[in-house]
Amino acid sequence: MTESTVQYDAIIIGSGFGGLYALYHLRDRMGLRVRAFDGAGGVGGTWWYNRYPGARVDAPSSPFYAYTFSKELVDEWEWTETQTSQAAVLAYLEHFAERFDLLKDIQFETWVTDAHYDEASQHWMITTDTGEIASAQFLICAVGALFVANMPEYPGIDEFSGERYHTGRWPHEKVSFAGKRVGVIGTGSSGIQSIPEIAKEAEHVTVFQRTPQYSLPARNRPITQQELSRYRADWDELRASMCKRGGWPFETTRRRASDETPEQRHALYEELWEKGGIHLLINSYVGVLVDKDLNEEVSEFVRAKIREIVRDAETARKLMPDYYIGTKRMILDNGYFETYNRDNVSLVDLREDPIEEFTSTSVRTKHGEHPTDVLVLATGFDAVSGSMLNLNPKGRGGVSLEQKWDGRFDNYLGTTIASFPNLFMIHGPGSPGVFFTMPLGGERTAQWIGDCIRHLREKDLGSIEATEDAEAGWDQEINGIADRTLYPLTNSWYMGANIPGKPRQFLGHLRGSQYFDRLVEVAEGGYEGFVFEPVRKERAST
């Protein structure tokens, strides 16, 4: 270290839900000296970047997609819709940062260009794009599960001279589509949310569909004061329910499909379709994501709904998904399939009519040319692992994470990595991440990290590090859970299948409540699977 190195107890990278809570917890609850760095211009993480038209939470939403630790915070924030918009989530996070005076300890528009572990000092050293050097015993990576945008490499795409936007890097100023011909590539969550909104304004929208998707109606509506009052009155019970039910606040079904007739099951599917949200998956029958026959029945119900909604039979045929429903990110929409009934919307199925090249003013496919003024890339992310690899920290012996993760995303507990002492991840590979309510998951992970730091400080320990044996065991545990479901049978970003060359590996822990129980179990058992070093004498004397 040099005199110009700024020293902290902990450095946090990222200021989304996980990073903001980690800053609050480590600084205010534990009294540590903490600094957070973020390349964005403000708080919000993915909600700062994803400002595309129609962007909303696609999980259990208001008021549950929010911090849960403070009853005062729950009582004072007024949610207005059942499916929260991007703008409302961002406003909430800005309020949280201001309310707890977090902004003074966050450095925005600052990218960490290097992070390496110094074994002699048992500290992480980081360098920023402004030339600043900082060190801390602990490095908390809250870099986001959905941050590194997937940019497709279609021939000639850089020759396209019109406007071009990725949904994950949307401009902060309004984008006008009026009188323009818009091409949208991709029909994942951001595509399905944005296409109906763009179509209301554009002269024409051409949707270039890579994979047909299941999508369920969100049935977004204003949330009533009576509902908010009831949730606030029952908050402790609802939070407890979220902790034991994978982030879901309400009791879910225990019905067995075999106990009812096909007619009874279909009637229930209709009821849950009208109710909206993800109820069709979690409140129909036990085992939709495990039982192939049951899954096919639910899948066919949704396919029938698409045929019912979309008037043109050929367009409906192109929109038919054929994977197991729920094994890709479940999407909630506000009129997506209805959009194809508009005269100014057309669908190109890239499986049958692939993109061959771009010109300066059009997209050329095998069977046609599509004049385009604005190109919207709804092509997703290098999910979960991509953000950590983008940071690419260097651990013991200067080994980079790219080298460590060349073949598999080995880690322990979804939070730590062998050969990377004192480094913690929030929502990393092997954690529940996107399979759990992420604000609550970030809270509970940051609390566990804080307890771990407290343990080291109380025991005068200089470092904690996962073992490779623990990583191997964790990998088996993750895959053992996933292999009992239908998830691994589908090519999805959960499996890394959307990125060419990415290792095929299931990226999440599917049993969130069990996961957090395991974290507690490991801590109470003396941190099994970890090795410790005492504080080095040369460090203690400085």
Protein backbone atom coordinates (compact mmCIF):
# COMPACT_ATOMS: atom_id res chain seq x y z
CA MET A 1 0.00 0.00 0.00
CA THR A 2 1.05 3.57 -0.60
CA GLU A 3 0.18 6.79 1.17
CA SER A 4 -2.25 7.56 -1.65
CA THR A 5 -4.21 4.35 -1.06
CA VAL A 6 -7.52 5.02 0.68
CA GLN A 7 -8.29 2.30 3.22
CA TYR A 8 -11.70 0.95 4.23
CA ASP A 9 -12.99 -2.00 6.18
CA ALA A 10 -15.12 -3.11 3.24
CA ILE A 11 -15.55 -2.10 -0.38
CA ILE A 12 -18.85 -2.74 -2.18
CA ILE A 13 -19.17 -2.79 -5.95
CA GLY A 14 -22.71 -1.99 -7.06
CA SER A 15 -25.62 0.04 -5.71
CA GLY A 16 -28.69 -1.96 -6.64
CA PHE A 17 -30.89 -3.70 -4.09
CA GLY A 18 -28.05 -5.91 -2.81
CA GLY A 19 -25.31 -3.28 -2.74
CA LEU A 20 -27.42 -0.61 -1.06
CA TYR A 21 -28.54 -2.92 1.70
CA ALA A 22 -24.98 -4.22 2.21
CA LEU A 23 -23.79 -0.63 2.63
CA TYR A 24 -26.55 0.10 5.14
CA HIS A 25 -25.97 -3.12 7.09
CA LEU A 26 -22.18 -3.00 7.26
CA ARG A 27 -21.99 0.71 7.94
CA ASP A 28 -25.01 1.42 10.15
CA ARG A 29 -25.59 -1.93 11.85
CA MET A 30 -21.91 -2.91 12.26
CA GLY A 31 -20.07 0.41 12.35
CA LEU A 32 -17.62 -0.45 9.57
CA ARG A 33 -15.93 2.06 7.30
CA VAL A 34 -17.43 1.24 3.90
CA ARG A 35 -17.20 2.64 0.40
CA ALA A 36 -19.37 1.65 -2.57
CA PHE A 37 -18.42 2.17 -6.22
CA ASP A 38 -20.78 2.12 -9.18
CA GLY A 39 -20.26 2.95 -12.84
CA ALA A 40 -23.85 4.19 -13.11
CA GLY A 41 -24.88 7.78 -12.50
CA GLY A 42 -27.13 6.89 -9.59
CA VAL A 43 -28.48 4.09 -7.43
CA GLY A 44 -30.68 1.32 -8.76
CA GLY A 45 -28.48 -1.28 -10.42
CA THR A 46 -30.51 -2.99 -13.12
CA TRP A 47 -33.36 -0.54 -12.48
CA TRP A 48 -31.07 2.37 -13.32
CA TYR A 49 -30.19 0.87 -16.72
CA ASN A 50 -33.40 -0.90 -17.78
CA ARG A 51 -35.64 2.06 -18.64
CA TYR A 52 -37.19 0.60 -21.79
CA PRO A 53 -40.91 1.18 -22.47
CA GLY A 54 -43.08 -1.08 -20.35
CA ALA A 55 -40.31 -2.16 -17.95
CA ARG A 56 -41.87 -3.67 -14.84
CA VAL A 57 -41.14 -6.20 -12.12
CA ASP A 58 -41.91 -9.70 -13.40
CA ALA A 59 -42.12 -11.30 -9.97
CA PRO A 60 -44.40 -10.96 -6.91
CA SER A 61 -44.56 -7.19 -6.78
CA SER A 62 -46.02 -4.38 -4.68
CA PRO A 63 -45.29 -4.14 -1.83
CA PHE A 64 -43.18 -7.31 -1.68
CA TYR A 65 -40.50 -6.48 -4.24
CA ALA A 66 -38.91 -4.17 -1.69
CA TYR A 67 -36.86 -4.20 1.48
CA THR A 68 -38.49 -6.06 4.34
CA PHE A 69 -36.25 -5.33 7.34
CA SER A 70 -37.79 -1.98 8.33
CA LYS A 71 -41.46 -1.78 9.23
CA GLU A 72 -41.19 2.02 9.13
CA LEU A 73 -39.97 1.86 5.54
CA VAL A 74 -42.85 -0.45 4.64
CA ASP A 75 -45.37 1.89 6.25
CA GLU A 76 -44.11 5.11 4.70
CA TRP A 77 -43.71 4.12 1.04
CA GLU A 78 -46.84 4.35 -1.09
CA TRP A 79 -46.96 1.77 -3.87
CA THR A 80 -49.57 2.51 -6.54
CA GLU A 81 -49.77 -0.58 -8.80
CA THR A 82 -49.79 -4.34 -8.27
CA GLN A 83 -47.04 -4.82 -10.88
CA THR A 84 -44.43 -2.21 -10.08
CA SER A 85 -42.98 -0.11 -12.90
CA GLN A 86 -39.29 0.57 -13.39
CA ALA A 87 -39.79 4.22 -12.51
CA ALA A 88 -41.49 3.33 -9.23
CA VAL A 89 -38.77 0.83 -8.25
CA LEU A 90 -36.05 3.37 -9.02
CA ALA A 91 -37.85 6.10 -7.06
CA TYR A 92 -38.12 3.70 -4.12
CA LEU A 93 -34.39 2.90 -4.18
CA GLU A 94 -33.54 6.60 -4.42
CA HIS A 95 -35.77 7.21 -1.40
CA PHE A 96 -34.07 4.38 0.50
CA ALA A 97 -30.60 5.77 -0.24
CA GLU A 98 -31.61 9.26 0.87
CA ARG A 99 -33.53 8.14 3.93
CA PHE A 100 -30.55 6.23 5.32
CA ASP A 101 -27.98 8.80 4.12
CA LEU A 102 -26.18 6.29 1.91
CA LEU A 103 -25.24 8.61 -0.96
CA LYS A 104 -22.30 10.13 0.88
CA ASP A 105 -20.56 6.74 0.81
CA ILE A 106 -21.26 5.83 -2.83
CA GLN A 107 -18.97 6.93 -5.64
CA PHE A 108 -20.96 7.03 -8.91
CA GLU A 109 -19.70 7.11 -12.49
CA THR A 110 -16.68 5.20 -11.28
CA TRP A 111 -15.72 1.86 -12.78
CA VAL A 112 -13.51 -0.59 -10.92
CA THR A 113 -10.93 -1.53 -13.54
CA ASP A 114 -8.83 -3.84 -11.37
CA ALA A 115 -9.41 -5.80 -8.16
CA HIS A 116 -6.73 -8.08 -6.76
CA TYR A 117 -6.03 -9.75 -3.45
CA ASP A 118 -2.82 -8.78 -1.71
CA GLU A 119 -1.78 -11.83 0.31
CA ALA A 120 0.74 -9.98 2.47
CA SER A 121 -1.76 -7.41 3.74
CA GLN A 122 -4.79 -9.73 3.50
CA HIS A 123 -6.58 -6.90 1.75
CA TRP A 124 -8.30 -6.39 -1.57
CA MET A 125 -6.81 -3.62 -3.68
CA ILE A 126 -9.00 -1.92 -6.25
CA THR A 127 -8.17 0.59 -8.96
CA THR A 128 -10.80 2.76 -10.63
CA ASP A 129 -10.98 4.33 -14.07
CA THR A 130 -10.23 7.68 -12.40
CA GLY A 131 -6.90 6.33 -11.15
CA GLU A 132 -8.00 6.05 -7.52
CA ILE A 133 -6.57 3.17 -5.50
CA ALA A 134 -8.41 1.83 -2.47
CA SER A 135 -8.02 -1.16 -0.19
CA ALA A 136 -10.21 -3.08 2.21
CA GLN A 137 -10.06 -6.38 4.02
CA PHE A 138 -13.41 -7.36 2.49
CA LEU A 139 -14.73 -7.03 -1.05
CA ILE A 140 -18.49 -7.40 -1.56
CA CYS A 141 -19.51 -7.88 -5.18
CA ALA A 142 -23.10 -6.75 -5.66
CA VAL A 143 -22.56 -6.46 -9.40
CA GLY A 144 -25.97 -7.71 -10.50
CA ALA A 145 -27.30 -10.93 -11.97
CA LEU A 146 -28.60 -9.16 -15.08
CA PHE A 147 -26.07 -6.51 -16.06
CA VAL A 148 -23.74 -7.56 -18.90
CA ALA A 149 -25.79 -6.99 -22.05
CA ASN A 150 -25.75 -9.73 -24.68
CA MET A 151 -24.93 -8.03 -27.97
CA PRO A 152 -25.63 -10.33 -30.93
CA GLU A 153 -23.02 -10.48 -33.69
CA TYR A 154 -25.19 -10.49 -36.78
CA PRO A 155 -23.36 -9.81 -40.07
CA GLY A 156 -23.30 -6.08 -40.81
CA ILE A 157 -25.11 -5.00 -37.65
CA ASP A 158 -22.53 -2.28 -37.07
CA GLU A 159 -23.30 -0.92 -40.53
CA PHE A 160 -26.88 -0.17 -39.54
CA SER A 161 -27.16 3.64 -39.55
CA GLY A 162 -30.47 4.06 -37.77
CA GLU A 163 -31.10 4.40 -34.06
CA ARG A 164 -30.05 1.33 -32.07
CA TYR A 165 -30.83 0.56 -28.42
CA HIS A 166 -30.35 -2.41 -26.12
CA THR A 167 -33.16 -2.75 -23.58
CA GLY A 168 -30.55 -3.24 -20.83
CA ARG A 169 -28.80 0.04 -21.73
CA TRP A 170 -31.77 2.26 -22.46
CA PRO A 171 -31.25 6.05 -22.80
CA HIS A 172 -32.38 8.26 -19.95
CA GLU A 173 -34.04 10.68 -22.34
CA LYS A 174 -37.29 9.70 -24.02
CA VAL A 175 -36.97 7.71 -27.25
CA SER A 176 -39.61 8.65 -29.83
CA PHE A 177 -40.98 5.96 -32.11
CA ALA A 178 -43.60 8.15 -33.77
CA GLY A 179 -43.69 7.69 -37.54
CA LYS A 180 -40.81 5.18 -37.44
CA ARG A 181 -40.36 1.61 -38.53
CA VAL A 182 -39.06 -0.33 -35.54
CA GLY A 183 -37.40 -3.74 -35.50
CA VAL A 184 -37.30 -5.59 -32.17
CA ILE A 185 -34.98 -8.58 -31.87
CA GLY A 186 -35.84 -10.87 -28.98
CA THR A 187 -38.95 -11.88 -27.09
CA GLY A 188 -37.73 -12.48 -23.58
CA SER A 189 -39.00 -10.40 -20.68
CA SER A 190 -37.82 -7.02 -21.98
CA GLY A 191 -39.09 -7.72 -25.50
CA ILE A 192 -42.50 -8.89 -24.34
CA GLN A 193 -42.84 -5.90 -22.02
CA SER A 194 -41.67 -3.31 -24.56
CA ILE A 195 -43.29 -4.47 -27.81
CA PRO A 196 -46.90 -3.53 -26.84
CA GLU A 197 -45.76 -0.06 -25.74
CA ILE A 198 -43.64 0.58 -28.84
CA ALA A 199 -46.48 -0.60 -31.09
CA LYS A 200 -48.81 2.07 -29.70
CA GLU A 201 -46.56 4.77 -31.12
CA ALA A 202 -44.57 3.39 -34.06
CA GLU A 203 -45.61 3.43 -37.69
CA HIS A 204 -44.74 -0.26 -37.87
CA VAL A 205 -43.09 -2.85 -35.59
CA THR A 206 -41.39 -5.95 -36.93
CA VAL A 207 -40.72 -8.49 -34.19
CA PHE A 208 -37.79 -10.80 -34.93
CA GLN A 209 -38.55 -13.76 -32.70
CA ARG A 210 -35.68 -16.04 -31.74
CA THR A 211 -37.68 -18.36 -29.46
CA PRO A 212 -41.46 -18.39 -28.89
CA GLN A 213 -42.25 -17.75 -25.25
CA TYR A 214 -44.92 -18.56 -22.72
CA SER A 215 -46.18 -15.40 -21.08
CA LEU A 216 -48.90 -14.97 -18.49
CA PRO A 217 -51.17 -11.93 -18.15
CA ALA A 218 -49.97 -9.66 -15.35
CA ARG A 219 -53.44 -8.16 -14.79
CA ASN A 220 -51.73 -5.04 -13.52
CA ARG A 221 -54.09 -2.69 -11.69
CA PRO A 222 -54.01 0.04 -9.06
CA ILE A 223 -53.27 -1.27 -5.57
CA THR A 224 -55.84 -0.10 -3.06
CA GLN A 225 -55.22 1.56 0.26
CA GLN A 226 -57.16 -1.26 1.89
CA GLU A 227 -54.73 -3.80 0.45
CA LEU A 228 -51.70 -1.79 1.54
CA SER A 229 -53.12 -1.34 5.03
CA ARG A 230 -53.77 -5.07 5.32
CA TYR A 231 -50.26 -5.96 4.15
CA ARG A 232 -48.73 -3.47 6.58
CA ALA A 233 -50.78 -4.81 9.48
CA ASP A 234 -49.70 -8.37 8.69
CA TRP A 235 -46.14 -7.53 7.67
CA ASP A 236 -44.28 -9.71 10.18
CA GLU A 237 -46.30 -12.76 9.18
CA LEU A 238 -45.94 -12.00 5.47
CA ARG A 239 -42.18 -11.57 5.79
CA ALA A 240 -41.94 -14.87 7.65
CA SER A 241 -43.94 -16.48 4.87
CA MET A 242 -41.56 -15.05 2.26
CA CYS A 243 -38.61 -16.48 4.16
CA LYS A 244 -40.03 -19.98 4.25
CA ARG A 245 -41.77 -20.06 0.85
CA GLY A 246 -39.00 -19.10 -1.52
CA GLY A 247 -39.79 -15.39 -1.39
CA TRP A 248 -43.54 -15.78 -2.01
CA PRO A 249 -45.66 -14.06 0.67
CA PHE A 250 -48.74 -16.29 0.57
CA GLU A 251 -49.50 -19.94 1.09
CA THR A 252 -49.34 -21.91 -2.15
CA THR A 253 -51.38 -24.84 -3.39
CA ARG A 254 -51.16 -28.40 -2.11
CA ARG A 255 -53.63 -29.73 -4.66
CA ARG A 256 -52.71 -32.86 -6.60
CA ALA A 257 -53.69 -32.99 -10.25
CA SER A 258 -54.48 -36.70 -9.95
CA ASP A 259 -57.26 -35.92 -7.47
CA GLU A 260 -59.31 -33.99 -10.05
CA THR A 261 -60.80 -34.64 -13.47
CA PRO A 262 -59.44 -33.00 -16.65
CA GLU A 263 -62.52 -30.77 -16.67
CA GLN A 264 -61.92 -29.64 -13.11
CA ARG A 265 -58.27 -28.94 -13.85
CA HIS A 266 -59.12 -26.91 -16.92
CA ALA A 267 -61.64 -24.86 -14.93
CA LEU A 268 -58.93 -24.08 -12.38
CA TYR A 269 -56.48 -23.06 -15.10
CA GLU A 270 -59.10 -20.66 -16.46
CA GLU A 271 -59.64 -19.17 -13.03
CA LEU A 272 -55.93 -18.64 -12.44
CA TRP A 273 -55.39 -17.24 -15.95
CA GLU A 274 -58.02 -14.60 -15.21
CA LYS A 275 -56.44 -13.89 -11.84
CA GLY A 276 -53.12 -13.21 -13.56
CA GLY A 277 -49.55 -13.16 -12.32
CA ILE A 278 -47.69 -16.42 -11.76
CA HIS A 279 -50.62 -18.16 -10.04
CA LEU A 280 -51.07 -20.60 -12.92
CA LEU A 281 -47.66 -22.09 -12.14
CA ILE A 282 -47.58 -22.01 -8.37
CA ASN A 283 -51.23 -22.24 -7.40
CA SER A 284 -52.65 -24.81 -9.80
CA TYR A 285 -51.17 -28.16 -8.77
CA VAL A 286 -48.10 -29.44 -6.98
CA GLY A 287 -45.32 -30.49 -9.33
CA VAL A 288 -45.80 -28.39 -12.48
CA LEU A 289 -42.03 -27.97 -12.76
CA VAL A 290 -41.33 -31.63 -12.00
CA ASP A 291 -44.04 -33.72 -13.69
CA LYS A 292 -43.71 -33.79 -17.50
CA ASP A 293 -47.32 -34.76 -18.12
CA LEU A 294 -48.72 -32.10 -15.81
CA ASN A 295 -46.37 -29.52 -17.27
CA GLU A 296 -47.49 -30.41 -20.80
CA GLU A 297 -51.12 -29.99 -19.78
CA VAL A 298 -50.45 -26.50 -18.40
CA SER A 299 -48.26 -25.68 -21.41
CA GLU A 300 -51.01 -26.68 -23.83
CA PHE A 301 -53.52 -24.59 -21.91
CA VAL A 302 -51.35 -21.51 -22.47
CA ARG A 303 -50.76 -22.41 -26.12
CA ALA A 304 -54.54 -22.65 -26.55
CA LYS A 305 -54.87 -19.18 -25.02
CA ILE A 306 -52.38 -17.82 -27.56
CA ARG A 307 -54.41 -19.36 -30.40
CA GLU A 308 -57.56 -17.86 -28.90
CA ILE A 309 -56.07 -14.36 -28.59
CA VAL A 310 -54.11 -14.07 -31.85
CA ARG A 311 -56.53 -13.81 -34.77
CA ASP A 312 -54.13 -14.71 -37.59
CA ALA A 313 -53.60 -18.48 -37.52
CA GLU A 314 -50.13 -18.33 -39.13
CA THR A 315 -48.90 -15.75 -36.62
CA ALA A 316 -50.33 -17.83 -33.78
CA ARG A 317 -48.49 -20.88 -35.12
CA LYS A 318 -45.19 -18.99 -35.04
CA LEU A 319 -45.88 -17.94 -31.44
CA MET A 320 -46.25 -21.52 -30.18
CA PRO A 321 -43.59 -22.35 -27.55
CA ASP A 322 -42.54 -25.99 -27.24
CA TYR A 323 -40.38 -26.09 -24.10
CA TYR A 324 -41.59 -26.96 -20.60
CA ILE A 325 -43.47 -23.97 -19.25
CA GLY A 326 -41.67 -22.25 -16.37
CA THR A 327 -38.21 -23.58 -17.26
CA LYS A 328 -37.33 -20.26 -18.88
CA ARG A 329 -37.82 -17.01 -16.99
CA MET A 330 -41.58 -16.76 -16.50
CA ILE A 331 -42.80 -13.57 -18.13
CA LEU A 332 -45.77 -11.42 -17.15
CA ASP A 333 -47.24 -9.24 -19.88
CA ASN A 334 -49.73 -6.46 -20.36
CA GLY A 335 -51.26 -7.27 -23.75
CA TYR A 336 -48.34 -8.92 -25.55
CA PHE A 337 -50.22 -11.50 -27.61
CA GLU A 338 -53.04 -9.03 -28.31
CA THR A 339 -50.44 -6.75 -29.95
CA TYR A 340 -50.18 -9.13 -32.91
CA ASN A 341 -53.77 -8.25 -33.82
CA ARG A 342 -52.65 -4.71 -34.65
CA ASP A 343 -52.26 -3.80 -38.32
CA ASN A 344 -48.86 -2.20 -37.64
CA VAL A 345 -47.21 -5.28 -36.10
CA SER A 346 -45.69 -8.23 -37.94
CA LEU A 347 -43.77 -11.29 -36.75
CA VAL A 348 -40.68 -12.89 -38.28
CA ASP A 349 -39.77 -16.32 -36.89
CA LEU A 350 -35.98 -16.43 -37.06
CA ARG A 351 -35.98 -20.21 -36.82
CA GLU A 352 -37.69 -20.36 -40.21
CA ASP A 353 -36.48 -17.06 -41.66
CA PRO A 354 -33.08 -16.26 -40.11
CA ILE A 355 -31.31 -12.90 -40.27
CA GLU A 356 -28.65 -12.98 -42.98
CA GLU A 357 -27.33 -9.43 -42.78
CA PHE A 358 -28.01 -5.81 -41.96
CA THR A 359 -27.85 -2.90 -44.35
CA SER A 360 -27.68 0.72 -43.29
CA THR A 361 -31.49 0.93 -43.43
CA SER A 362 -32.88 -2.58 -43.14
CA VAL A 363 -32.73 -6.09 -41.77
CA ARG A 364 -32.39 -8.79 -44.41
CA THR A 365 -33.64 -12.24 -43.60
CA LYS A 366 -33.56 -15.37 -45.73
CA HIS A 367 -36.98 -14.64 -47.22
CA GLY A 368 -37.26 -10.87 -47.15
CA GLU A 369 -35.98 -7.40 -46.40
CA HIS A 370 -37.44 -5.29 -43.58
CA PRO A 371 -36.90 -1.50 -43.74
CA THR A 372 -35.95 -0.31 -40.26
CA ASP A 373 -35.45 3.13 -38.73
CA VAL A 374 -34.98 2.02 -35.11
CA LEU A 375 -33.46 -1.26 -33.94
CA VAL A 376 -34.27 -2.48 -30.43
CA LEU A 377 -32.10 -5.30 -29.14
CA ALA A 378 -34.07 -7.20 -26.50
CA THR A 379 -31.38 -9.86 -26.52
CA GLY A 380 -30.86 -10.35 -22.81
CA PHE A 381 -27.77 -10.71 -20.70
CA ASP A 382 -24.77 -12.84 -19.92
CA ALA A 383 -26.69 -13.66 -16.78
CA VAL A 384 -25.52 -14.29 -13.21
CA SER A 385 -21.86 -15.12 -13.94
CA GLY A 386 -21.25 -12.42 -16.55
CA SER A 387 -21.07 -9.52 -14.12
CA MET A 388 -18.43 -11.20 -11.99
CA LEU A 389 -16.38 -12.11 -15.06
CA ASN A 390 -16.73 -8.53 -16.27
CA LEU A 391 -15.10 -7.43 -13.00
CA ASN A 392 -12.60 -10.34 -13.26
CA PRO A 393 -10.95 -10.05 -9.81
CA LYS A 394 -7.60 -11.73 -9.22
CA GLY A 395 -7.15 -13.94 -6.17
CA ARG A 396 -4.25 -15.87 -4.69
CA GLY A 397 -1.18 -16.04 -6.91
CA GLY A 398 -2.70 -13.52 -9.28
CA VAL A 399 -5.11 -16.10 -10.70
CA SER A 400 -7.99 -14.31 -12.38
CA LEU A 401 -11.64 -15.28 -12.11
CA GLU A 402 -11.64 -15.86 -15.88
CA GLN A 403 -9.02 -18.56 -15.33
CA LYS A 404 -10.81 -19.99 -12.32
CA TRP A 405 -14.17 -20.10 -14.10
CA ASP A 406 -12.90 -21.22 -17.49
CA GLY A 407 -14.84 -24.49 -17.37
CA ARG A 408 -17.32 -24.16 -14.49
CA PHE A 409 -18.53 -21.39 -12.20
CA ASP A 410 -17.19 -23.09 -9.08
CA ASN A 411 -18.13 -21.44 -5.78
CA TYR A 412 -19.33 -22.28 -2.30
CA LEU A 413 -22.73 -21.25 -0.98
CA GLY A 414 -23.21 -18.95 -3.96
CA THR A 415 -21.26 -16.30 -2.02
CA THR A 416 -17.59 -17.29 -1.88
CA ILE A 417 -14.90 -18.64 -4.21
CA ALA A 418 -11.86 -20.79 -3.39
CA SER A 419 -8.57 -18.91 -3.88
CA PHE A 420 -10.40 -15.58 -3.48
CA PRO A 421 -10.21 -14.88 0.27
CA ASN A 422 -12.49 -12.28 1.86
CA LEU A 423 -14.48 -11.87 -1.36
CA PHE A 424 -18.26 -12.22 -1.14
CA MET A 425 -20.91 -12.24 -3.87
CA ILE A 426 -24.54 -11.19 -3.61
CA HIS A 427 -26.77 -13.04 -6.12
CA GLY A 428 -23.82 -14.89 -7.61
CA PRO A 429 -23.88 -18.31 -9.33
CA GLY A 430 -25.09 -21.00 -6.97
CA SER A 431 -27.33 -18.66 -4.97
CA PRO A 432 -31.13 -18.45 -5.28
CA GLY A 433 -30.73 -15.07 -7.02
CA VAL A 434 -33.47 -14.74 -9.63
CA PHE A 435 -35.39 -17.71 -8.18
CA PHE A 436 -36.09 -15.78 -4.97
CA THR A 437 -37.47 -12.32 -4.24
CA MET A 438 -34.23 -10.46 -4.87
CA PRO A 439 -34.53 -7.59 -2.36
CA LEU A 440 -35.16 -10.05 0.48
CA GLY A 441 -32.47 -12.36 -0.85
CA GLY A 442 -30.02 -9.47 -0.90
CA GLU A 443 -30.92 -8.56 2.68
CA ARG A 444 -30.41 -12.04 4.01
CA THR A 445 -27.18 -12.60 2.09
CA ALA A 446 -25.72 -9.29 3.27
CA GLN A 447 -26.68 -10.13 6.86
CA TRP A 448 -24.85 -13.45 6.58
CA ILE A 449 -21.79 -11.69 5.13
CA GLY A 450 -21.91 -9.24 8.02
CA ASP A 451 -22.05 -12.07 10.56
CA CYS A 452 -19.07 -13.69 8.86
CA ILE A 453 -17.07 -10.45 9.02
CA ARG A 454 -18.00 -10.06 12.68
CA HIS A 455 -16.75 -13.60 13.35
CA LEU A 456 -13.37 -12.81 11.78
CA ARG A 457 -12.96 -9.58 13.70
CA GLU A 458 -13.93 -11.15 17.01
CA LYS A 459 -11.50 -14.04 16.47
CA ASP A 460 -8.70 -11.79 15.18
CA LEU A 461 -8.66 -13.62 11.86
CA GLY A 462 -7.22 -12.11 8.72
CA SER A 463 -9.04 -14.08 6.05
CA ILE A 464 -11.74 -16.60 5.28
CA GLU A 465 -11.64 -18.74 2.16
CA ALA A 466 -13.75 -21.55 0.74
CA THR A 467 -12.08 -24.88 0.02
CA GLU A 468 -12.21 -26.60 -3.35
CA ASP A 469 -13.79 -29.65 -1.70
CA ALA A 470 -16.59 -27.42 -0.40
CA GLU A 471 -17.07 -26.03 -3.90
CA ALA A 472 -17.37 -29.53 -5.33
CA GLY A 473 -19.94 -30.46 -2.70
CA TRP A 474 -21.93 -27.31 -3.37
CA ASP A 475 -21.94 -28.03 -7.09
CA GLN A 476 -23.37 -31.47 -6.40
CA GLU A 477 -26.01 -29.96 -4.12
CA ILE A 478 -27.09 -27.39 -6.72
CA ASN A 479 -27.29 -29.95 -9.50
CA GLY A 480 -28.96 -32.53 -7.29
CA ILE A 481 -31.84 -30.13 -6.69
CA ALA A 482 -32.05 -28.95 -10.30
CA ASP A 483 -31.92 -32.47 -11.74
CA ARG A 484 -35.10 -33.37 -9.89
CA THR A 485 -36.90 -30.73 -11.96
CA LEU A 486 -37.50 -29.99 -15.63
CA TYR A 487 -35.23 -26.92 -15.68
CA PRO A 488 -32.09 -28.60 -17.07
CA LEU A 489 -34.08 -30.00 -20.01
CA THR A 490 -34.54 -26.53 -21.53
CA ASN A 491 -31.98 -24.32 -23.26
CA SER A 492 -32.25 -21.13 -21.24
CA TRP A 493 -30.07 -18.47 -19.70
CA TYR A 494 -30.54 -20.35 -16.43
CA MET A 495 -28.27 -22.94 -18.10
CA GLY A 496 -26.01 -20.42 -19.83
CA ALA A 497 -27.39 -21.53 -23.19
CA ASN A 498 -27.99 -18.00 -24.54
CA ILE A 499 -24.28 -17.12 -24.74
CA PRO A 500 -22.10 -18.91 -27.33
CA GLY A 501 -19.27 -20.80 -25.64
CA LYS A 502 -20.56 -20.28 -22.12
CA PRO A 503 -20.20 -23.37 -19.90
CA ARG A 504 -23.46 -25.28 -19.59
CA GLN A 505 -24.24 -25.23 -15.90
CA PHE A 506 -27.40 -24.57 -13.90
CA LEU A 507 -26.79 -21.18 -12.33
CA GLY A 508 -29.14 -21.02 -9.36
CA HIS A 509 -30.27 -22.67 -6.15
CA LEU A 510 -33.93 -23.61 -6.58
CA ARG A 511 -34.83 -23.89 -2.92
CA GLY A 512 -34.37 -20.42 -1.56
CA SER A 513 -35.70 -21.07 1.93
CA GLN A 514 -33.52 -24.15 2.29
CA TYR A 515 -30.56 -22.17 0.97
CA PHE A 516 -30.76 -19.54 3.70
CA ASP A 517 -31.18 -22.27 6.29
CA ARG A 518 -27.92 -23.75 4.96
CA LEU A 519 -26.14 -20.42 5.38
CA VAL A 520 -27.20 -20.31 9.01
CA GLU A 521 -26.24 -23.95 9.50
CA VAL A 522 -22.74 -23.35 8.09
CA ALA A 523 -22.18 -20.31 10.32
CA GLU A 524 -23.48 -21.99 13.47
CA GLY A 525 -21.33 -25.04 12.72
CA GLY A 526 -18.12 -23.02 12.78
CA TYR A 527 -18.05 -22.26 9.05
CA GLU A 528 -17.60 -25.76 7.73
CA GLY A 529 -16.08 -25.70 4.25
CA PHE A 530 -13.89 -22.68 4.98
CA VAL A 531 -10.29 -22.19 6.04
CA PHE A 532 -9.07 -19.22 8.04
CA GLU A 533 -5.79 -17.38 8.45
CA PRO A 534 -4.89 -15.35 11.52
CA VAL A 535 -4.04 -11.70 11.06
CA ARG A 536 -0.51 -11.57 9.66
CA LYS A 537 2.04 -10.07 12.03
CA GLU A 538 3.36 -7.65 9.42
CA ARG A 539 -0.19 -6.42 8.85
CA ALA A 540 -0.93 -6.14 12.58
CA SER A 541 2.15 -3.97 13.11
CA THR A 542 1.21 -1.42 10.44
